[in-house]
Amino acid sequence: MPENFNLDRLPTPIGTALLVTDADGLLRALDWEDYEPRMKQLLRLHYGAVNLNNGRAPRDLRAALTGYFKGDLDRLAAIEWRVAGTPFQQKVWNALPKIAAGTTMSYGALAAKLRMPRAVRAVGHANGSNPISVVLPCHRLIGADGSLVKYGGGLERKRWLLKHEGVEIAYSGTGGADRPGALRSASLPVSSQSGSRGAFRMSRRI
């Protein structure tokens, strides 16, 4: 049987966000309108056949995201979400919210925190398959040299999100890559404290 999810749209300063929620009101995906085909592909990979029905996301979820984009960065912690994916992907995705707003972390540092220091490339692949943009802040991961590297929603969005959270972006005028500057180091516990239900992992209610 196909999974049935609701699809809503939320205007933001960096484009229209697509919000996919389930019957319990939990966020299953957050992507951008200009990347809708990719979002649907990720949903199929994670869930198999999926029916997306136009439907309003819960008011609290919309309010939390709107609050975040207006500058209340802590509102993301109030959003409940659920992901599928492999156990390794879930481990990476559950670690992302522990990177505090206003800080960044390299892929290698995250792999080390997860006690898998040789899994840098695998961490990168899992990060690239993250279905819930912004709320699971994959934009806070950067390259070992401090470069922004890449972002599924486009580097302009990654740059905006980091600046919005207080990260200073230094730009090389000689054609080099943007690099976050004056960063605070992120602190991340090794073990995940997120709750779980069956094959899924879900953020804690705040």
N, C-alpha and C. Protein backbone atom coordinates (compact mmCIF):
# COMPACT_ATOMS: atom_id res chain seq x y z
N MET A 1 0.84 -1.20 0.00
CA MET A 1 0.00 0.00 0.00
C MET A 1 0.88 1.26 0.00
N PRO A 2 0.55 2.22 -0.87
CA PRO A 2 1.33 3.46 -0.88
C PRO A 2 1.15 4.24 0.42
N GLU A 3 2.19 4.96 0.79
CA GLU A 3 2.10 5.90 1.91
C GLU A 3 1.31 7.12 1.45
N ASN A 4 0.45 7.63 2.33
CA ASN A 4 -0.32 8.83 2.03
C ASN A 4 0.17 9.98 2.91
N PHE A 5 0.71 11.01 2.27
CA PHE A 5 1.21 12.17 2.97
C PHE A 5 0.50 13.42 2.46
N ASN A 6 0.52 14.46 3.29
CA ASN A 6 -0.01 15.76 2.89
C ASN A 6 1.13 16.65 2.40
N LEU A 7 0.83 17.48 1.42
CA LEU A 7 1.81 18.41 0.87
C LEU A 7 1.29 19.83 1.02
N ASP A 8 2.08 20.67 1.68
CA ASP A 8 1.73 22.08 1.89
C ASP A 8 2.87 22.94 1.38
N ARG A 9 2.60 24.22 1.19
CA ARG A 9 3.61 25.16 0.72
C ARG A 9 3.68 26.35 1.68
N LEU A 10 4.90 26.77 1.97
CA LEU A 10 5.11 27.88 2.90
C LEU A 10 6.07 28.89 2.29
N PRO A 11 5.63 30.13 2.08
CA PRO A 11 6.54 31.16 1.56
C PRO A 11 7.64 31.48 2.59
N THR A 12 8.87 31.60 2.12
CA THR A 12 10.00 31.97 2.98
C THR A 12 10.84 33.00 2.24
N PRO A 13 11.78 33.63 2.92
CA PRO A 13 12.64 34.61 2.24
C PRO A 13 13.53 34.00 1.16
N ILE A 14 13.69 32.68 1.14
CA ILE A 14 14.56 32.06 0.15
C ILE A 14 13.78 31.12 -0.78
N GLY A 15 12.52 31.37 -0.92
CA GLY A 15 11.70 30.59 -1.83
C GLY A 15 10.60 29.84 -1.11
N THR A 16 9.74 29.21 -1.89
CA THR A 16 8.62 28.47 -1.33
C THR A 16 9.09 27.11 -0.83
N ALA A 17 8.83 26.84 0.45
CA ALA A 17 9.19 25.56 1.05
C ALA A 17 8.05 24.57 0.87
N LEU A 18 8.39 23.34 0.53
CA LEU A 18 7.42 22.26 0.44
C LEU A 18 7.45 21.48 1.75
N LEU A 19 6.29 21.33 2.38
CA LEU A 19 6.19 20.65 3.66
C LEU A 19 5.38 19.37 3.48
N VAL A 20 6.00 18.24 3.74
CA VAL A 20 5.32 16.95 3.64
C VAL A 20 5.10 16.41 5.05
N THR A 21 3.85 16.17 5.40
CA THR A 21 3.52 15.68 6.74
C THR A 21 2.67 14.42 6.64
N ASP A 22 2.67 13.64 7.73
CA ASP A 22 1.89 12.41 7.74
C ASP A 22 0.58 12.62 8.51
N ALA A 23 -0.14 11.53 8.71
CA ALA A 23 -1.45 11.62 9.36
C ALA A 23 -1.35 12.07 10.81
N ASP A 24 -0.18 11.88 11.42
CA ASP A 24 0.03 12.33 12.80
C ASP A 24 0.52 13.77 12.88
N GLY A 25 0.67 14.42 11.74
CA GLY A 25 1.15 15.80 11.72
C GLY A 25 2.65 15.93 11.83
N LEU A 26 3.37 14.82 11.71
CA LEU A 26 4.83 14.85 11.80
C LEU A 26 5.43 15.20 10.44
N LEU A 27 6.50 15.98 10.48
CA LEU A 27 7.17 16.41 9.25
C LEU A 27 7.97 15.24 8.68
N ARG A 28 7.72 14.89 7.43
CA ARG A 28 8.45 13.81 6.76
C ARG A 28 9.46 14.34 5.76
N ALA A 29 9.19 15.52 5.19
CA ALA A 29 10.12 16.11 4.23
C ALA A 29 9.93 17.61 4.20
N LEU A 30 11.04 18.32 3.98
CA LEU A 30 11.00 19.76 3.74
C LEU A 30 12.01 20.02 2.63
N ASP A 31 11.51 20.52 1.52
CA ASP A 31 12.39 20.85 0.40
C ASP A 31 11.89 22.14 -0.23
N TRP A 32 12.40 22.45 -1.40
CA TRP A 32 12.09 23.72 -2.05
C TRP A 32 11.32 23.48 -3.34
N GLU A 33 10.46 24.40 -3.67
CA GLU A 33 9.58 24.23 -4.81
C GLU A 33 10.35 23.97 -6.10
N ASP A 34 11.51 24.62 -6.24
CA ASP A 34 12.30 24.42 -7.46
C ASP A 34 13.06 23.09 -7.44
N TYR A 35 12.98 22.35 -6.34
CA TYR A 35 13.60 21.03 -6.27
C TYR A 35 12.55 19.95 -5.99
N GLU A 36 11.32 20.19 -6.40
CA GLU A 36 10.25 19.24 -6.11
C GLU A 36 10.51 17.85 -6.70
N PRO A 37 11.03 17.73 -7.93
CA PRO A 37 11.30 16.38 -8.45
C PRO A 37 12.30 15.60 -7.58
N ARG A 38 13.31 16.28 -7.07
CA ARG A 38 14.28 15.60 -6.21
C ARG A 38 13.61 15.15 -4.91
N MET A 39 12.76 16.00 -4.34
CA MET A 39 12.07 15.64 -3.11
C MET A 39 11.23 14.37 -3.32
N LYS A 40 10.51 14.32 -4.43
CA LYS A 40 9.68 13.15 -4.70
C LYS A 40 10.52 11.90 -4.91
N GLN A 41 11.68 12.07 -5.52
CA GLN A 41 12.58 10.93 -5.71
C GLN A 41 13.07 10.40 -4.37
N LEU A 42 13.45 11.31 -3.45
CA LEU A 42 13.90 10.89 -2.13
C LEU A 42 12.78 10.19 -1.37
N LEU A 43 11.56 10.70 -1.49
CA LEU A 43 10.43 10.05 -0.82
C LEU A 43 10.23 8.63 -1.33
N ARG A 44 10.36 8.46 -2.64
CA ARG A 44 10.21 7.11 -3.21
C ARG A 44 11.32 6.19 -2.72
N LEU A 45 12.54 6.70 -2.64
CA LEU A 45 13.65 5.88 -2.16
C LEU A 45 13.44 5.44 -0.72
N HIS A 46 12.88 6.33 0.09
CA HIS A 46 12.74 6.05 1.52
C HIS A 46 11.48 5.28 1.86
N TYR A 47 10.42 5.48 1.07
CA TYR A 47 9.12 4.92 1.44
C TYR A 47 8.50 4.02 0.38
N GLY A 48 9.06 3.98 -0.82
CA GLY A 48 8.40 3.28 -1.90
C GLY A 48 7.33 4.16 -2.51
N ALA A 49 6.22 3.58 -2.90
CA ALA A 49 5.13 4.36 -3.52
C ALA A 49 4.54 5.34 -2.51
N VAL A 50 4.38 6.58 -2.94
CA VAL A 50 3.87 7.64 -2.07
C VAL A 50 2.79 8.42 -2.80
N ASN A 51 1.68 8.68 -2.12
CA ASN A 51 0.64 9.59 -2.61
C ASN A 51 0.77 10.91 -1.86
N LEU A 52 0.94 12.00 -2.61
CA LEU A 52 1.01 13.33 -2.01
C LEU A 52 -0.31 14.05 -2.27
N ASN A 53 -1.02 14.35 -1.21
CA ASN A 53 -2.30 15.03 -1.32
C ASN A 53 -2.17 16.45 -0.78
N ASN A 54 -2.70 17.41 -1.49
CA ASN A 54 -2.66 18.78 -1.02
C ASN A 54 -3.39 18.88 0.32
N GLY A 55 -2.69 19.36 1.33
CA GLY A 55 -3.29 19.47 2.65
C GLY A 55 -2.45 20.36 3.54
N ARG A 56 -3.11 21.09 4.41
CA ARG A 56 -2.43 22.05 5.27
C ARG A 56 -1.58 21.34 6.32
N ALA A 57 -0.34 21.79 6.49
CA ALA A 57 0.50 21.29 7.57
C ALA A 57 -0.04 21.82 8.90
N PRO A 58 0.26 21.15 10.01
CA PRO A 58 -0.21 21.63 11.32
C PRO A 58 0.17 23.08 11.57
N ARG A 59 -0.71 23.80 12.22
CA ARG A 59 -0.49 25.22 12.47
C ARG A 59 0.80 25.46 13.27
N ASP A 60 1.06 24.62 14.27
CA ASP A 60 2.25 24.80 15.09
C ASP A 60 3.53 24.62 14.27
N LEU A 61 3.49 23.69 13.33
CA LEU A 61 4.67 23.47 12.47
C LEU A 61 4.92 24.69 11.60
N ARG A 62 3.87 25.19 10.96
CA ARG A 62 4.02 26.37 10.10
C ARG A 62 4.49 27.57 10.92
N ALA A 63 3.93 27.72 12.12
CA ALA A 63 4.31 28.85 12.97
C ALA A 63 5.77 28.76 13.39
N ALA A 64 6.24 27.55 13.69
CA ALA A 64 7.63 27.38 14.11
C ALA A 64 8.59 27.72 12.97
N LEU A 65 8.28 27.26 11.76
CA LEU A 65 9.14 27.58 10.62
C LEU A 65 9.11 29.07 10.30
N THR A 66 7.92 29.67 10.35
CA THR A 66 7.82 31.11 10.11
C THR A 66 8.63 31.89 11.15
N GLY A 67 8.54 31.45 12.41
CA GLY A 67 9.31 32.09 13.47
C GLY A 67 10.80 31.98 13.24
N TYR A 68 11.25 30.82 12.79
CA TYR A 68 12.68 30.64 12.49
C TYR A 68 13.14 31.62 11.42
N PHE A 69 12.38 31.73 10.35
CA PHE A 69 12.79 32.61 9.26
C PHE A 69 12.69 34.09 9.65
N LYS A 70 11.95 34.39 10.71
CA LYS A 70 11.90 35.77 11.21
C LYS A 70 12.98 36.04 12.25
N GLY A 71 13.79 35.02 12.57
CA GLY A 71 14.92 35.24 13.47
C GLY A 71 14.87 34.50 14.78
N ASP A 72 13.77 33.82 15.08
CA ASP A 72 13.67 33.05 16.32
C ASP A 72 14.20 31.64 16.04
N LEU A 73 15.53 31.50 16.07
CA LEU A 73 16.18 30.27 15.60
C LEU A 73 15.81 29.06 16.44
N ASP A 74 15.49 29.25 17.70
CA ASP A 74 15.19 28.12 18.58
C ASP A 74 13.86 27.43 18.24
N ARG A 75 13.06 28.05 17.38
CA ARG A 75 11.75 27.46 17.07
C ARG A 75 11.87 26.11 16.36
N LEU A 76 13.00 25.86 15.70
CA LEU A 76 13.15 24.59 14.99
C LEU A 76 13.07 23.40 15.94
N ALA A 77 13.53 23.59 17.18
CA ALA A 77 13.56 22.48 18.14
C ALA A 77 12.17 22.00 18.52
N ALA A 78 11.16 22.82 18.27
CA ALA A 78 9.79 22.44 18.64
C ALA A 78 9.11 21.59 17.57
N ILE A 79 9.76 21.42 16.43
CA ILE A 79 9.14 20.70 15.32
C ILE A 79 9.39 19.20 15.47
N GLU A 80 8.32 18.43 15.42
CA GLU A 80 8.44 16.98 15.47
C GLU A 80 8.53 16.42 14.06
N TRP A 81 9.41 15.44 13.88
CA TRP A 81 9.65 14.90 12.55
C TRP A 81 9.88 13.40 12.64
N ARG A 82 9.82 12.76 11.49
CA ARG A 82 10.05 11.32 11.41
C ARG A 82 10.75 11.02 10.10
N VAL A 83 11.74 10.14 10.15
CA VAL A 83 12.47 9.77 8.94
C VAL A 83 12.53 8.26 8.81
N ALA A 84 12.71 7.82 7.57
CA ALA A 84 12.97 6.41 7.31
C ALA A 84 14.48 6.30 7.05
N GLY A 85 14.89 5.70 5.93
CA GLY A 85 16.31 5.60 5.64
C GLY A 85 16.97 4.43 6.35
N THR A 86 18.26 4.25 6.07
CA THR A 86 19.03 3.18 6.68
C THR A 86 19.41 3.56 8.11
N PRO A 87 19.81 2.59 8.93
CA PRO A 87 20.27 2.94 10.29
C PRO A 87 21.41 3.96 10.28
N PHE A 88 22.33 3.85 9.31
CA PHE A 88 23.43 4.81 9.25
C PHE A 88 22.91 6.20 8.90
N GLN A 89 22.02 6.29 7.90
CA GLN A 89 21.45 7.59 7.55
C GLN A 89 20.72 8.20 8.73
N GLN A 90 19.95 7.39 9.45
CA GLN A 90 19.22 7.89 10.61
C GLN A 90 20.17 8.43 11.66
N LYS A 91 21.30 7.76 11.84
CA LYS A 91 22.29 8.20 12.83
C LYS A 91 22.83 9.58 12.46
N VAL A 92 23.14 9.76 11.19
CA VAL A 92 23.64 11.06 10.72
C VAL A 92 22.57 12.12 10.86
N TRP A 93 21.35 11.82 10.41
CA TRP A 93 20.28 12.83 10.44
C TRP A 93 19.91 13.21 11.87
N ASN A 94 19.94 12.25 12.79
CA ASN A 94 19.64 12.58 14.18
C ASN A 94 20.75 13.42 14.82
N ALA A 95 21.94 13.36 14.26
CA ALA A 95 23.04 14.16 14.80
C ALA A 95 22.99 15.62 14.34
N LEU A 96 22.39 15.87 13.19
CA LEU A 96 22.42 17.22 12.63
C LEU A 96 21.81 18.28 13.54
N PRO A 97 20.65 18.05 14.17
CA PRO A 97 20.08 19.10 15.03
C PRO A 97 20.94 19.42 16.25
N LYS A 98 21.92 18.58 16.56
CA LYS A 98 22.79 18.84 17.71
C LYS A 98 23.92 19.81 17.37
N ILE A 99 24.05 20.16 16.09
CA ILE A 99 24.98 21.21 15.68
C ILE A 99 24.25 22.54 15.89
N ALA A 100 24.67 23.30 16.86
CA ALA A 100 23.93 24.50 17.26
C ALA A 100 23.88 25.55 16.16
N ALA A 101 22.78 26.27 16.10
CA ALA A 101 22.67 27.40 15.17
C ALA A 101 23.78 28.40 15.47
N GLY A 102 24.37 28.95 14.41
CA GLY A 102 25.47 29.88 14.57
C GLY A 102 26.82 29.21 14.57
N THR A 103 26.84 27.87 14.45
CA THR A 103 28.10 27.13 14.36
C THR A 103 28.06 26.25 13.12
N THR A 104 29.22 25.75 12.73
CA THR A 104 29.31 24.78 11.66
C THR A 104 30.20 23.63 12.11
N MET A 105 30.19 22.56 11.35
CA MET A 105 31.02 21.40 11.64
C MET A 105 31.43 20.77 10.32
N SER A 106 32.64 20.25 10.23
CA SER A 106 33.08 19.58 9.01
C SER A 106 32.53 18.16 8.97
N TYR A 107 32.48 17.61 7.78
CA TYR A 107 32.02 16.23 7.62
C TYR A 107 32.91 15.29 8.43
N GLY A 108 34.22 15.55 8.41
CA GLY A 108 35.14 14.71 9.15
C GLY A 108 34.92 14.78 10.65
N ALA A 109 34.63 15.97 11.15
CA ALA A 109 34.39 16.12 12.58
C ALA A 109 33.12 15.39 12.99
N LEU A 110 32.09 15.44 12.14
CA LEU A 110 30.86 14.73 12.46
C LEU A 110 31.10 13.22 12.46
N ALA A 111 31.85 12.74 11.47
CA ALA A 111 32.16 11.30 11.42
C ALA A 111 32.90 10.88 12.69
N ALA A 112 33.83 11.71 13.15
CA ALA A 112 34.57 11.40 14.37
C ALA A 112 33.66 11.39 15.59
N LYS A 113 32.73 12.35 15.65
CA LYS A 113 31.79 12.40 16.78
C LYS A 113 30.90 11.17 16.82
N LEU A 114 30.62 10.63 15.63
CA LEU A 114 29.80 9.43 15.55
C LEU A 114 30.64 8.16 15.73
N ARG A 115 31.93 8.34 16.06
CA ARG A 115 32.87 7.24 16.27
C ARG A 115 33.07 6.40 15.02
N MET A 116 33.00 7.08 13.88
CA MET A 116 33.27 6.44 12.60
C MET A 116 34.17 7.36 11.77
N PRO A 117 35.40 7.61 12.24
CA PRO A 117 36.25 8.64 11.61
C PRO A 117 36.58 8.37 10.14
N ARG A 118 36.47 7.13 9.69
CA ARG A 118 36.79 6.82 8.30
C ARG A 118 35.57 6.93 7.39
N ALA A 119 34.44 7.27 7.95
CA ALA A 119 33.19 7.30 7.18
C ALA A 119 32.85 8.70 6.68
N VAL A 120 33.85 9.51 6.40
CA VAL A 120 33.60 10.90 6.00
C VAL A 120 32.75 10.95 4.73
N ARG A 121 33.12 10.14 3.75
CA ARG A 121 32.37 10.17 2.49
C ARG A 121 30.94 9.67 2.70
N ALA A 122 30.78 8.64 3.51
CA ALA A 122 29.44 8.11 3.78
C ALA A 122 28.59 9.14 4.51
N VAL A 123 29.20 9.90 5.43
CA VAL A 123 28.48 10.98 6.10
C VAL A 123 28.01 12.01 5.08
N GLY A 124 28.88 12.31 4.12
CA GLY A 124 28.51 13.26 3.08
C GLY A 124 27.34 12.78 2.24
N HIS A 125 27.36 11.49 1.88
CA HIS A 125 26.26 10.94 1.10
C HIS A 125 24.96 10.96 1.90
N ALA A 126 25.03 10.59 3.18
CA ALA A 126 23.83 10.61 4.02
C ALA A 126 23.30 12.03 4.15
N ASN A 127 24.21 12.98 4.31
CA ASN A 127 23.80 14.38 4.43
C ASN A 127 23.09 14.84 3.16
N GLY A 128 23.60 14.39 2.01
CA GLY A 128 22.99 14.77 0.74
C GLY A 128 21.63 14.15 0.51
N SER A 129 21.32 13.07 1.25
CA SER A 129 20.02 12.41 1.13
C SER A 129 19.05 12.83 2.23
N ASN A 130 19.43 13.83 3.01
CA ASN A 130 18.58 14.32 4.10
C ASN A 130 17.24 14.81 3.53
N PRO A 131 16.12 14.23 3.96
CA PRO A 131 14.83 14.63 3.39
C PRO A 131 14.22 15.87 4.02
N ILE A 132 14.76 16.31 5.18
CA ILE A 132 14.11 17.40 5.92
C ILE A 132 15.09 18.57 6.04
N SER A 133 15.14 19.37 5.01
CA SER A 133 16.03 20.54 5.00
C SER A 133 15.67 21.49 6.14
N VAL A 134 16.64 22.28 6.56
CA VAL A 134 16.49 23.33 7.57
C VAL A 134 16.29 22.75 8.97
N VAL A 135 15.24 21.96 9.15
CA VAL A 135 14.94 21.39 10.47
C VAL A 135 16.02 20.41 10.89
N LEU A 136 16.46 19.57 9.96
CA LEU A 136 17.66 18.75 10.15
C LEU A 136 18.75 19.50 9.38
N PRO A 137 19.49 20.37 10.08
CA PRO A 137 20.27 21.42 9.42
C PRO A 137 21.55 20.93 8.74
N CYS A 138 21.38 20.26 7.61
CA CYS A 138 22.54 19.80 6.85
C CYS A 138 23.37 20.98 6.32
N HIS A 139 22.77 22.17 6.29
CA HIS A 139 23.51 23.34 5.82
C HIS A 139 24.64 23.73 6.77
N ARG A 140 24.64 23.19 7.98
CA ARG A 140 25.70 23.51 8.95
C ARG A 140 26.94 22.66 8.78
N LEU A 141 26.92 21.71 7.86
CA LEU A 141 28.11 20.92 7.57
C LEU A 141 28.89 21.58 6.44
N ILE A 142 30.21 21.67 6.63
CA ILE A 142 31.08 22.34 5.65
C ILE A 142 32.29 21.44 5.38
N GLY A 143 33.11 21.86 4.42
CA GLY A 143 34.30 21.11 4.08
C GLY A 143 35.39 21.24 5.12
N ALA A 144 36.37 20.35 5.05
CA ALA A 144 37.48 20.36 6.01
C ALA A 144 38.28 21.65 5.94
N ASP A 145 38.31 22.29 4.76
CA ASP A 145 39.04 23.54 4.59
C ASP A 145 38.19 24.77 4.90
N GLY A 146 36.97 24.53 5.38
CA GLY A 146 36.09 25.65 5.72
C GLY A 146 35.21 26.11 4.57
N SER A 147 35.33 25.48 3.39
CA SER A 147 34.50 25.90 2.26
C SER A 147 33.07 25.39 2.43
N LEU A 148 32.14 26.06 1.78
CA LEU A 148 30.74 25.68 1.89
C LEU A 148 30.43 24.36 1.19
N VAL A 149 31.29 23.94 0.29
CA VAL A 149 31.14 22.70 -0.47
C VAL A 149 29.87 22.77 -1.31
N LYS A 150 28.83 22.02 -0.99
CA LYS A 150 27.61 22.05 -1.80
C LYS A 150 26.41 21.92 -0.87
N TYR A 151 25.23 22.10 -1.48
CA TYR A 151 23.99 22.04 -0.71
C TYR A 151 22.87 21.66 -1.66
N GLY A 152 22.02 20.72 -1.23
CA GLY A 152 20.95 20.23 -2.10
C GLY A 152 20.01 21.32 -2.58
N GLY A 153 19.82 22.35 -1.79
CA GLY A 153 18.93 23.45 -2.17
C GLY A 153 19.64 24.58 -2.86
N GLY A 154 20.92 24.40 -3.18
CA GLY A 154 21.70 25.44 -3.85
C GLY A 154 22.55 26.23 -2.86
N LEU A 155 23.75 26.60 -3.28
CA LEU A 155 24.68 27.30 -2.38
C LEU A 155 24.15 28.65 -1.91
N GLU A 156 23.33 29.32 -2.75
CA GLU A 156 22.78 30.61 -2.32
C GLU A 156 21.91 30.43 -1.08
N ARG A 157 21.14 29.36 -1.03
CA ARG A 157 20.31 29.11 0.16
C ARG A 157 21.20 28.75 1.36
N LYS A 158 22.20 27.94 1.13
CA LYS A 158 23.09 27.57 2.23
C LYS A 158 23.76 28.81 2.81
N ARG A 159 24.23 29.68 1.92
CA ARG A 159 24.87 30.92 2.35
C ARG A 159 23.89 31.77 3.16
N TRP A 160 22.64 31.88 2.68
CA TRP A 160 21.64 32.69 3.38
C TRP A 160 21.34 32.10 4.75
N LEU A 161 21.14 30.79 4.82
CA LEU A 161 20.79 30.15 6.09
C LEU A 161 21.90 30.34 7.12
N LEU A 162 23.15 30.17 6.71
CA LEU A 162 24.26 30.34 7.66
C LEU A 162 24.35 31.78 8.14
N LYS A 163 24.21 32.73 7.21
CA LYS A 163 24.23 34.14 7.62
C LYS A 163 23.06 34.46 8.54
N HIS A 164 21.90 33.91 8.23
CA HIS A 164 20.70 34.12 9.05
C HIS A 164 20.93 33.63 10.48
N GLU A 165 21.72 32.58 10.62
CA GLU A 165 21.99 32.00 11.93
C GLU A 165 23.18 32.65 12.63
N GLY A 166 23.81 33.61 11.96
CA GLY A 166 24.89 34.35 12.61
C GLY A 166 26.29 33.94 12.23
N VAL A 167 26.43 33.09 11.22
CA VAL A 167 27.75 32.69 10.75
C VAL A 167 28.25 33.72 9.75
N GLU A 168 29.45 34.21 9.95
CA GLU A 168 30.03 35.17 9.03
C GLU A 168 30.65 34.42 7.86
N ILE A 169 30.27 34.82 6.64
CA ILE A 169 30.78 34.18 5.44
C ILE A 169 31.83 35.08 4.81
N ALA A 170 33.04 34.56 4.71
CA ALA A 170 34.12 35.32 4.06
C ALA A 170 34.19 34.87 2.61
N TYR A 171 34.23 35.83 1.69
CA TYR A 171 34.28 35.49 0.27
C TYR A 171 35.63 35.86 -0.30
N SER A 172 36.21 34.93 -1.03
CA SER A 172 37.49 35.18 -1.69
C SER A 172 37.23 35.88 -3.01
N GLY A 173 37.79 37.05 -3.19
CA GLY A 173 37.59 37.82 -4.41
C GLY A 173 38.40 37.33 -5.58
N THR A 174 39.20 36.27 -5.40
CA THR A 174 40.05 35.77 -6.47
C THR A 174 39.48 34.50 -7.09
N GLY A 175 38.19 34.31 -6.90
CA GLY A 175 37.56 33.14 -7.50
C GLY A 175 37.50 31.94 -6.58
N GLY A 176 37.97 32.10 -5.35
CA GLY A 176 37.94 31.00 -4.40
C GLY A 176 36.55 30.79 -3.84
N ALA A 177 36.41 29.74 -3.09
CA ALA A 177 35.10 29.40 -2.53
C ALA A 177 34.81 30.23 -1.29
N ASP A 178 33.52 30.44 -1.05
CA ASP A 178 33.11 31.08 0.18
C ASP A 178 33.53 30.22 1.36
N ARG A 179 33.89 30.90 2.46
CA ARG A 179 34.26 30.18 3.67
C ARG A 179 33.66 30.88 4.87
N PRO A 180 33.05 30.10 5.78
CA PRO A 180 32.58 30.71 7.03
C PRO A 180 33.76 31.24 7.82
N GLY A 181 33.58 32.42 8.40
CA GLY A 181 34.64 32.99 9.21
C GLY A 181 34.18 33.26 10.63
N ALA A 182 35.11 33.40 11.53
CA ALA A 182 34.83 33.70 12.94
C ALA A 182 33.83 32.73 13.52
N LEU A 183 34.05 31.44 13.28
CA LEU A 183 33.10 30.42 13.72
C LEU A 183 33.34 30.00 15.15
N ARG A 184 32.27 29.66 15.84
CA ARG A 184 32.36 28.95 17.10
C ARG A 184 32.35 27.47 16.80
N SER A 185 33.14 26.70 17.51
CA SER A 185 33.15 25.26 17.27
C SER A 185 31.87 24.64 17.80
N ALA A 186 31.33 23.70 17.04
CA ALA A 186 30.10 23.05 17.45
C ALA A 186 30.40 21.89 18.39
N SER A 187 29.57 21.72 19.38
CA SER A 187 29.70 20.61 20.32
C SER A 187 28.58 19.63 20.07
N LEU A 188 28.92 18.35 19.92
CA LEU A 188 27.92 17.35 19.59
C LEU A 188 28.12 16.12 20.44
N PRO A 189 27.12 15.70 21.20
CA PRO A 189 27.25 14.47 21.97
C PRO A 189 27.41 13.29 21.03
N VAL A 190 28.13 12.27 21.49
CA VAL A 190 28.36 11.10 20.65
C VAL A 190 27.09 10.30 20.47
N SER A 191 26.31 10.11 21.53
CA SER A 191 25.12 9.28 21.44
C SER A 191 23.91 10.09 21.07
N SER A 192 22.97 9.47 20.35
CA SER A 192 21.73 10.14 19.97
C SER A 192 20.72 10.02 21.08
N GLN A 193 20.04 11.14 21.36
CA GLN A 193 19.02 11.16 22.39
C GLN A 193 17.62 11.22 21.81
N SER A 194 17.50 11.07 20.48
CA SER A 194 16.19 11.17 19.86
C SER A 194 15.37 9.93 20.16
N GLY A 195 14.06 10.11 20.25
CA GLY A 195 13.18 8.98 20.48
C GLY A 195 13.01 8.17 19.22
N SER A 196 12.38 7.02 19.34
CA SER A 196 12.17 6.19 18.17
C SER A 196 10.82 5.51 18.26
N ARG A 197 10.32 5.15 17.10
CA ARG A 197 9.08 4.40 17.02
C ARG A 197 9.21 3.44 15.86
N GLY A 198 9.27 2.14 16.14
CA GLY A 198 9.42 1.15 15.08
C GLY A 198 10.70 1.38 14.32
N ALA A 199 10.60 1.44 12.98
CA ALA A 199 11.77 1.61 12.13
C ALA A 199 12.15 3.05 11.97
N PHE A 200 11.45 3.96 12.63
CA PHE A 200 11.70 5.38 12.44
C PHE A 200 12.34 5.97 13.69
N ARG A 201 12.99 7.14 13.48
CA ARG A 201 13.50 7.91 14.59
C ARG A 201 12.85 9.28 14.55
N MET A 202 12.55 9.82 15.69
CA MET A 202 11.78 11.05 15.74
C MET A 202 12.40 11.98 16.76
N SER A 203 12.37 13.27 16.48
CA SER A 203 12.90 14.23 17.43
C SER A 203 12.05 14.28 18.67
N ARG A 204 12.66 14.70 19.77
CA ARG A 204 11.92 14.83 21.01
C ARG A 204 11.01 16.05 20.97
N ARG A 205 9.91 15.96 21.66
CA ARG A 205 9.04 17.13 21.81
C ARG A 205 9.68 18.07 22.83
N ILE A 206 9.73 19.34 22.46
CA ILE A 206 10.33 20.35 23.36
C ILE A 206 9.23 21.13 24.03
